[in-house]
């Protein structure tokens, strides 16, 4: 695999199982929130780590295409290109939610979001519970 993002996704049994059904991002609600970031930590962290928050839809779609092709069960027909495009759009929207959250400058309450900051090399705002 030529993509470190795809390699990280492929290491996850959960993501491999989702990709076999043509899904990657799990977005149960129409309006995306912090909860959706937590739910999709495993898929977002590699994107943030290797592509950052200023990533284009076409960059995301390239990685999604590669991964969905790689995770496709043997003998199963390739998924239509629109499936990858839809997943790429969901991921792009989730990255936008993360980016807005990062710009706020508030210390994240959720451990998963703090891990996303750390794993993507974005400095965490100072924790207001620890005064210097």
N, C-alpha and C. Protein backbone atom coordinates (compact mmCIF):
# COMPACT_ATOMS: atom_id res chain seq x y z
N UNK A 1 0.84 -1.18 0.00
CA UNK A 1 0.00 0.00 0.00
C UNK A 1 0.89 1.24 0.00
N UNK A 2 0.54 2.17 -0.81
CA UNK A 2 1.34 3.38 -0.95
C UNK A 2 0.92 4.48 0.02
N UNK A 3 -0.17 4.31 0.72
CA UNK A 3 -0.70 5.36 1.58
C UNK A 3 -0.60 4.98 3.05
N UNK A 4 0.07 5.82 3.87
CA UNK A 4 0.10 5.53 5.30
C UNK A 4 -1.30 5.60 5.94
N UNK A 5 -2.17 6.40 5.37
CA UNK A 5 -3.54 6.49 5.88
C UNK A 5 -4.24 5.15 5.68
N UNK A 6 -4.13 4.60 4.47
CA UNK A 6 -4.76 3.32 4.15
C UNK A 6 -4.16 2.21 5.01
N UNK A 7 -2.86 2.25 5.23
CA UNK A 7 -2.20 1.23 6.07
C UNK A 7 -2.75 1.26 7.49
N UNK A 8 -2.94 2.47 8.04
CA UNK A 8 -3.48 2.59 9.39
C UNK A 8 -4.93 2.09 9.44
N UNK A 9 -5.71 2.43 8.41
CA UNK A 9 -7.09 1.95 8.36
C UNK A 9 -7.12 0.43 8.25
N UNK A 10 -6.24 -0.13 7.42
CA UNK A 10 -6.23 -1.58 7.19
C UNK A 10 -5.87 -2.36 8.44
N UNK A 11 -5.19 -1.73 9.37
CA UNK A 11 -4.81 -2.40 10.62
C UNK A 11 -6.00 -2.55 11.57
N UNK A 12 -7.10 -1.91 11.27
CA UNK A 12 -8.29 -1.95 12.12
C UNK A 12 -9.31 -2.95 11.59
N UNK A 13 -9.64 -3.95 12.41
CA UNK A 13 -10.67 -4.91 12.01
C UNK A 13 -12.02 -4.23 11.85
N UNK A 14 -12.29 -3.27 12.71
CA UNK A 14 -13.56 -2.54 12.65
C UNK A 14 -13.71 -1.83 11.31
N UNK A 15 -12.66 -1.08 10.91
CA UNK A 15 -12.74 -0.34 9.65
C UNK A 15 -12.75 -1.28 8.45
N UNK A 16 -12.04 -2.40 8.54
CA UNK A 16 -12.07 -3.37 7.44
C UNK A 16 -13.49 -3.92 7.27
N UNK A 17 -14.16 -4.19 8.38
CA UNK A 17 -15.53 -4.68 8.32
C UNK A 17 -16.49 -3.65 7.75
N UNK A 18 -16.35 -2.41 8.17
CA UNK A 18 -17.20 -1.33 7.63
C UNK A 18 -16.95 -1.16 6.13
N UNK A 19 -15.68 -1.15 5.74
CA UNK A 19 -15.33 -0.93 4.33
C UNK A 19 -15.86 -2.04 3.44
N UNK A 20 -15.93 -3.26 3.97
CA UNK A 20 -16.46 -4.38 3.19
C UNK A 20 -17.92 -4.15 2.81
N UNK A 21 -18.60 -3.30 3.59
CA UNK A 21 -20.00 -2.98 3.29
C UNK A 21 -20.14 -1.63 2.58
N UNK A 22 -18.99 -1.01 2.27
CA UNK A 22 -19.04 0.26 1.54
C UNK A 22 -19.15 1.48 2.44
N UNK A 23 -18.84 1.30 3.73
CA UNK A 23 -18.91 2.43 4.65
C UNK A 23 -17.55 2.63 5.30
N UNK A 24 -17.33 3.82 5.77
CA UNK A 24 -16.10 4.13 6.48
C UNK A 24 -16.43 5.05 7.67
N UNK A 25 -17.17 6.10 7.41
CA UNK A 25 -17.59 7.03 8.46
C UNK A 25 -18.97 6.61 8.96
N UNK A 26 -19.13 6.62 10.28
CA UNK A 26 -20.42 6.30 10.89
C UNK A 26 -21.01 7.61 11.37
N UNK A 27 -22.07 8.03 10.69
CA UNK A 27 -22.72 9.31 11.03
C UNK A 27 -24.22 9.08 11.21
N UNK A 28 -24.63 8.72 12.43
CA UNK A 28 -26.05 8.40 12.64
C UNK A 28 -26.98 9.61 12.60
N UNK A 29 -26.43 10.81 12.83
CA UNK A 29 -27.27 12.01 12.84
C UNK A 29 -26.96 12.87 11.62
N UNK A 30 -27.97 13.62 11.18
CA UNK A 30 -27.76 14.49 10.02
C UNK A 30 -26.82 15.64 10.36
N UNK A 31 -26.98 16.22 11.55
CA UNK A 31 -26.12 17.31 11.99
C UNK A 31 -24.94 16.71 12.75
N UNK A 32 -23.72 17.01 12.30
CA UNK A 32 -22.54 16.44 12.91
C UNK A 32 -22.14 17.21 14.16
N UNK A 33 -21.73 16.47 15.20
CA UNK A 33 -21.35 17.05 16.48
C UNK A 33 -20.05 16.42 16.98
N UNK A 34 -19.64 16.86 18.18
CA UNK A 34 -18.47 16.26 18.82
C UNK A 34 -18.64 14.76 18.99
N UNK A 35 -19.85 14.33 19.28
CA UNK A 35 -20.11 12.90 19.46
C UNK A 35 -19.76 12.11 18.21
N UNK A 36 -20.00 12.70 17.06
CA UNK A 36 -19.65 12.03 15.80
C UNK A 36 -18.13 11.94 15.63
N UNK A 37 -17.42 12.94 16.13
CA UNK A 37 -15.95 12.87 16.10
C UNK A 37 -15.46 11.70 16.93
N UNK A 38 -16.03 11.57 18.13
CA UNK A 38 -15.64 10.48 19.02
C UNK A 38 -15.95 9.13 18.37
N UNK A 39 -17.12 9.04 17.77
CA UNK A 39 -17.55 7.80 17.12
C UNK A 39 -16.63 7.43 15.95
N UNK A 40 -16.04 8.42 15.31
CA UNK A 40 -15.21 8.19 14.12
C UNK A 40 -13.72 8.45 14.36
N UNK A 41 -13.31 8.40 15.62
CA UNK A 41 -11.90 8.66 15.95
C UNK A 41 -10.95 7.78 15.15
N UNK A 42 -11.27 6.51 15.04
CA UNK A 42 -10.37 5.55 14.39
C UNK A 42 -10.15 5.86 12.90
N UNK A 43 -11.15 6.40 12.25
CA UNK A 43 -11.01 6.72 10.83
C UNK A 43 -10.44 8.13 10.62
N UNK A 44 -10.72 9.04 11.55
CA UNK A 44 -10.25 10.42 11.39
C UNK A 44 -8.79 10.62 11.76
N UNK A 45 -8.32 9.94 12.78
CA UNK A 45 -6.95 10.17 13.27
C UNK A 45 -5.89 9.99 12.17
N UNK A 46 -5.93 8.92 11.39
CA UNK A 46 -4.92 8.80 10.32
C UNK A 46 -5.00 9.94 9.29
N UNK A 47 -6.20 10.37 8.96
CA UNK A 47 -6.34 11.49 8.02
C UNK A 47 -5.73 12.75 8.58
N UNK A 48 -6.05 13.06 9.84
CA UNK A 48 -5.52 14.26 10.47
C UNK A 48 -4.00 14.18 10.62
N UNK A 49 -3.52 13.01 10.98
CA UNK A 49 -2.09 12.84 11.20
C UNK A 49 -1.28 13.03 9.91
N UNK A 50 -1.77 12.48 8.82
CA UNK A 50 -0.99 12.48 7.58
C UNK A 50 -1.39 13.58 6.59
N UNK A 51 -2.62 14.09 6.70
CA UNK A 51 -3.08 15.10 5.73
C UNK A 51 -3.40 16.44 6.38
N UNK A 52 -3.60 16.46 7.69
CA UNK A 52 -3.91 17.71 8.38
C UNK A 52 -5.37 18.11 8.26
N UNK A 53 -5.68 19.30 8.76
CA UNK A 53 -7.07 19.77 8.75
C UNK A 53 -7.42 20.53 7.47
N UNK A 54 -6.42 20.94 6.73
CA UNK A 54 -6.68 21.68 5.48
C UNK A 54 -6.54 20.74 4.29
N UNK A 55 -7.34 19.72 4.29
CA UNK A 55 -7.29 18.67 3.28
C UNK A 55 -8.46 18.86 2.31
N UNK A 56 -8.23 18.53 1.05
CA UNK A 56 -9.28 18.68 0.04
C UNK A 56 -10.11 17.41 -0.06
N UNK A 57 -11.28 17.56 -0.62
CA UNK A 57 -12.15 16.42 -0.85
C UNK A 57 -11.47 15.40 -1.75
N UNK A 58 -10.80 15.86 -2.80
CA UNK A 58 -10.16 14.92 -3.73
C UNK A 58 -9.04 14.13 -3.05
N UNK A 59 -8.31 14.76 -2.12
CA UNK A 59 -7.27 14.04 -1.38
C UNK A 59 -7.89 12.95 -0.52
N UNK A 60 -8.97 13.29 0.16
CA UNK A 60 -9.64 12.29 1.00
C UNK A 60 -10.19 11.17 0.13
N UNK A 61 -10.81 11.53 -0.97
CA UNK A 61 -11.43 10.52 -1.83
C UNK A 61 -10.39 9.55 -2.39
N UNK A 62 -9.21 10.04 -2.68
CA UNK A 62 -8.14 9.17 -3.18
C UNK A 62 -7.83 8.06 -2.16
N UNK A 63 -7.73 8.44 -0.89
CA UNK A 63 -7.45 7.46 0.16
C UNK A 63 -8.63 6.53 0.39
N UNK A 64 -9.84 7.07 0.34
CA UNK A 64 -11.04 6.26 0.52
C UNK A 64 -11.15 5.24 -0.62
N UNK A 65 -10.92 5.68 -1.86
CA UNK A 65 -10.95 4.77 -3.01
C UNK A 65 -9.98 3.61 -2.82
N UNK A 66 -8.75 3.94 -2.46
CA UNK A 66 -7.73 2.91 -2.25
C UNK A 66 -8.16 1.91 -1.17
N UNK A 67 -8.67 2.45 -0.07
CA UNK A 67 -9.04 1.59 1.05
C UNK A 67 -10.24 0.72 0.73
N UNK A 68 -11.27 1.29 0.12
CA UNK A 68 -12.45 0.49 -0.21
C UNK A 68 -12.09 -0.60 -1.21
N UNK A 69 -11.17 -0.31 -2.12
CA UNK A 69 -10.71 -1.34 -3.07
C UNK A 69 -9.94 -2.43 -2.33
N UNK A 70 -9.06 -2.03 -1.42
CA UNK A 70 -8.26 -2.98 -0.66
C UNK A 70 -9.13 -3.86 0.24
N UNK A 71 -10.13 -3.29 0.88
CA UNK A 71 -10.96 -4.00 1.84
C UNK A 71 -12.09 -4.80 1.21
N UNK A 72 -12.26 -4.64 -0.09
CA UNK A 72 -13.34 -5.36 -0.78
C UNK A 72 -13.14 -6.87 -0.66
N UNK A 73 -14.16 -7.60 -0.24
CA UNK A 73 -14.03 -9.05 -0.16
C UNK A 73 -13.73 -9.65 -1.53
N UNK A 74 -12.89 -10.66 -1.54
CA UNK A 74 -12.50 -11.31 -2.80
C UNK A 74 -13.74 -11.85 -3.50
N UNK A 75 -13.80 -11.62 -4.80
CA UNK A 75 -14.92 -12.10 -5.60
C UNK A 75 -16.11 -11.16 -5.63
N UNK A 76 -16.10 -10.13 -4.80
CA UNK A 76 -17.21 -9.17 -4.76
C UNK A 76 -16.92 -8.05 -5.76
N UNK A 77 -17.94 -7.61 -6.45
CA UNK A 77 -17.78 -6.54 -7.44
C UNK A 77 -17.34 -5.25 -6.77
N UNK A 78 -16.61 -4.45 -7.53
CA UNK A 78 -16.14 -3.16 -7.02
C UNK A 78 -17.34 -2.26 -6.71
N UNK A 79 -17.20 -1.45 -5.69
CA UNK A 79 -18.27 -0.51 -5.34
C UNK A 79 -18.32 0.63 -6.34
N UNK A 80 -19.49 1.18 -6.58
CA UNK A 80 -19.58 2.34 -7.49
C UNK A 80 -18.76 3.52 -6.92
N UNK A 81 -18.22 4.32 -7.78
CA UNK A 81 -17.39 5.45 -7.37
C UNK A 81 -18.14 6.43 -6.47
N UNK A 82 -19.46 6.52 -6.65
CA UNK A 82 -20.25 7.45 -5.82
C UNK A 82 -20.23 7.05 -4.35
N UNK A 83 -20.01 5.77 -4.05
CA UNK A 83 -19.94 5.31 -2.66
C UNK A 83 -18.71 5.94 -1.99
N UNK A 84 -17.57 5.88 -2.67
CA UNK A 84 -16.34 6.48 -2.12
C UNK A 84 -16.50 7.99 -1.99
N UNK A 85 -17.15 8.60 -2.95
CA UNK A 85 -17.33 10.06 -2.90
C UNK A 85 -18.19 10.46 -1.71
N UNK A 86 -19.25 9.71 -1.44
CA UNK A 86 -20.11 9.99 -0.29
C UNK A 86 -19.33 9.85 1.02
N UNK A 87 -18.54 8.79 1.13
CA UNK A 87 -17.74 8.59 2.33
C UNK A 87 -16.70 9.71 2.48
N UNK A 88 -16.10 10.11 1.39
CA UNK A 88 -15.12 11.20 1.43
C UNK A 88 -15.78 12.50 1.90
N UNK A 89 -16.99 12.77 1.44
CA UNK A 89 -17.72 13.96 1.87
C UNK A 89 -17.99 13.91 3.37
N UNK A 90 -18.40 12.76 3.87
CA UNK A 90 -18.66 12.63 5.31
C UNK A 90 -17.39 12.90 6.11
N UNK A 91 -16.28 12.34 5.65
CA UNK A 91 -15.01 12.54 6.35
C UNK A 91 -14.58 14.00 6.29
N UNK A 92 -14.78 14.64 5.15
CA UNK A 92 -14.44 16.05 5.01
C UNK A 92 -15.26 16.90 5.99
N UNK A 93 -16.53 16.59 6.10
CA UNK A 93 -17.40 17.32 7.03
C UNK A 93 -16.98 17.09 8.48
N UNK A 94 -16.58 15.86 8.80
CA UNK A 94 -16.10 15.56 10.16
C UNK A 94 -14.80 16.30 10.45
N UNK A 95 -13.91 16.38 9.47
CA UNK A 95 -12.67 17.14 9.66
C UNK A 95 -12.98 18.61 9.87
N UNK A 96 -13.98 19.12 9.18
CA UNK A 96 -14.39 20.52 9.39
C UNK A 96 -14.90 20.75 10.81
N UNK A 97 -15.65 19.79 11.34
CA UNK A 97 -16.13 19.89 12.72
C UNK A 97 -14.93 19.90 13.68
N UNK A 98 -13.96 19.01 13.43
CA UNK A 98 -12.76 18.96 14.27
C UNK A 98 -11.99 20.27 14.17
N UNK A 99 -11.85 20.79 12.98
CA UNK A 99 -11.11 22.04 12.76
C UNK A 99 -11.75 23.19 13.52
N UNK A 100 -13.07 23.31 13.45
CA UNK A 100 -13.77 24.36 14.20
C UNK A 100 -13.55 24.20 15.70
N UNK A 101 -13.58 22.97 16.16
CA UNK A 101 -13.35 22.70 17.57
C UNK A 101 -11.92 23.09 17.97
N UNK A 102 -10.95 22.77 17.13
CA UNK A 102 -9.54 23.09 17.42
C UNK A 102 -9.32 24.60 17.45
N UNK A 103 -10.02 25.34 16.60
CA UNK A 103 -9.85 26.79 16.53
C UNK A 103 -10.46 27.51 17.73
N UNK A 104 -11.38 26.86 18.42
CA UNK A 104 -12.05 27.51 19.56
C UNK A 104 -11.08 27.79 20.69
N UNK A 105 -10.05 26.97 20.82
CA UNK A 105 -9.07 27.19 21.87
C UNK A 105 -9.48 26.68 23.24
N UNK A 106 -10.54 25.89 23.30
CA UNK A 106 -10.99 25.32 24.57
C UNK A 106 -10.42 23.92 24.74
N UNK A 107 -10.10 23.56 25.95
CA UNK A 107 -9.58 22.22 26.25
C UNK A 107 -10.70 21.20 26.02
N UNK A 108 -10.48 20.19 25.18
CA UNK A 108 -11.54 19.21 24.89
C UNK A 108 -11.87 18.35 26.11
N UNK A 109 -13.15 18.13 26.34
CA UNK A 109 -13.60 17.29 27.45
C UNK A 109 -13.40 15.81 27.16
N UNK A 110 -13.60 15.43 25.90
CA UNK A 110 -13.54 14.01 25.54
C UNK A 110 -12.11 13.53 25.36
N UNK A 111 -11.81 12.38 25.97
CA UNK A 111 -10.48 11.80 25.83
C UNK A 111 -10.17 11.49 24.37
N UNK A 112 -11.16 11.02 23.64
CA UNK A 112 -10.95 10.67 22.23
C UNK A 112 -10.53 11.89 21.42
N UNK A 113 -11.13 13.03 21.69
CA UNK A 113 -10.78 14.24 20.95
C UNK A 113 -9.38 14.71 21.36
N UNK A 114 -9.05 14.58 22.65
CA UNK A 114 -7.69 14.93 23.08
C UNK A 114 -6.66 14.02 22.40
N UNK A 115 -6.99 12.73 22.25
CA UNK A 115 -6.08 11.81 21.53
C UNK A 115 -5.92 12.23 20.07
N UNK A 116 -7.02 12.69 19.46
CA UNK A 116 -6.95 13.14 18.07
C UNK A 116 -6.02 14.34 17.94
N UNK A 117 -6.12 15.27 18.87
CA UNK A 117 -5.20 16.41 18.89
C UNK A 117 -3.76 15.91 18.95
N UNK A 118 -3.50 15.06 19.95
CA UNK A 118 -2.15 14.57 20.20
C UNK A 118 -1.61 13.78 19.00
N UNK A 119 -2.42 12.84 18.50
CA UNK A 119 -1.97 11.97 17.40
C UNK A 119 -1.77 12.74 16.09
N UNK A 120 -2.44 13.87 15.94
CA UNK A 120 -2.28 14.66 14.72
C UNK A 120 -1.32 15.83 14.91
N UNK A 121 -0.61 15.82 16.05
CA UNK A 121 0.40 16.85 16.34
C UNK A 121 -0.15 18.27 16.39
N UNK A 122 -1.38 18.40 16.86
CA UNK A 122 -1.98 19.72 17.06
C UNK A 122 -1.90 20.00 18.56
N UNK A 123 -1.27 21.12 18.94
CA UNK A 123 -1.13 21.41 20.37
C UNK A 123 -2.49 21.53 21.06
N UNK A 124 -2.59 20.88 22.20
CA UNK A 124 -3.81 20.98 23.01
C UNK A 124 -3.85 22.32 23.72
N UNK A 125 -5.01 22.96 23.76
CA UNK A 125 -5.13 24.16 24.60
C UNK A 125 -4.87 23.77 26.05
N UNK A 126 -4.47 24.71 26.87
CA UNK A 126 -4.17 24.37 28.26
C UNK A 126 -5.43 23.95 28.99
N UNK A 127 -5.23 23.02 29.90
CA UNK A 127 -6.33 22.49 30.70
C UNK A 127 -6.67 23.50 31.80
N UNK A 128 -7.90 24.03 31.83
CA UNK A 128 -8.24 25.05 32.83
C UNK A 128 -8.26 24.47 34.25
N UNK A 129 -8.28 23.17 34.40
CA UNK A 129 -8.30 22.56 35.74
C UNK A 129 -6.92 22.55 36.37
N UNK A 130 -5.87 22.80 35.58
CA UNK A 130 -4.50 22.82 36.10
C UNK A 130 -3.94 24.22 36.00
N UNK A 131 -4.04 24.95 37.09
CA UNK A 131 -3.52 26.32 37.11
C UNK A 131 -2.03 26.27 37.41
N UNK A 132 -1.30 27.20 36.82
CA UNK A 132 0.15 27.24 37.03
C UNK A 132 0.51 28.20 38.12
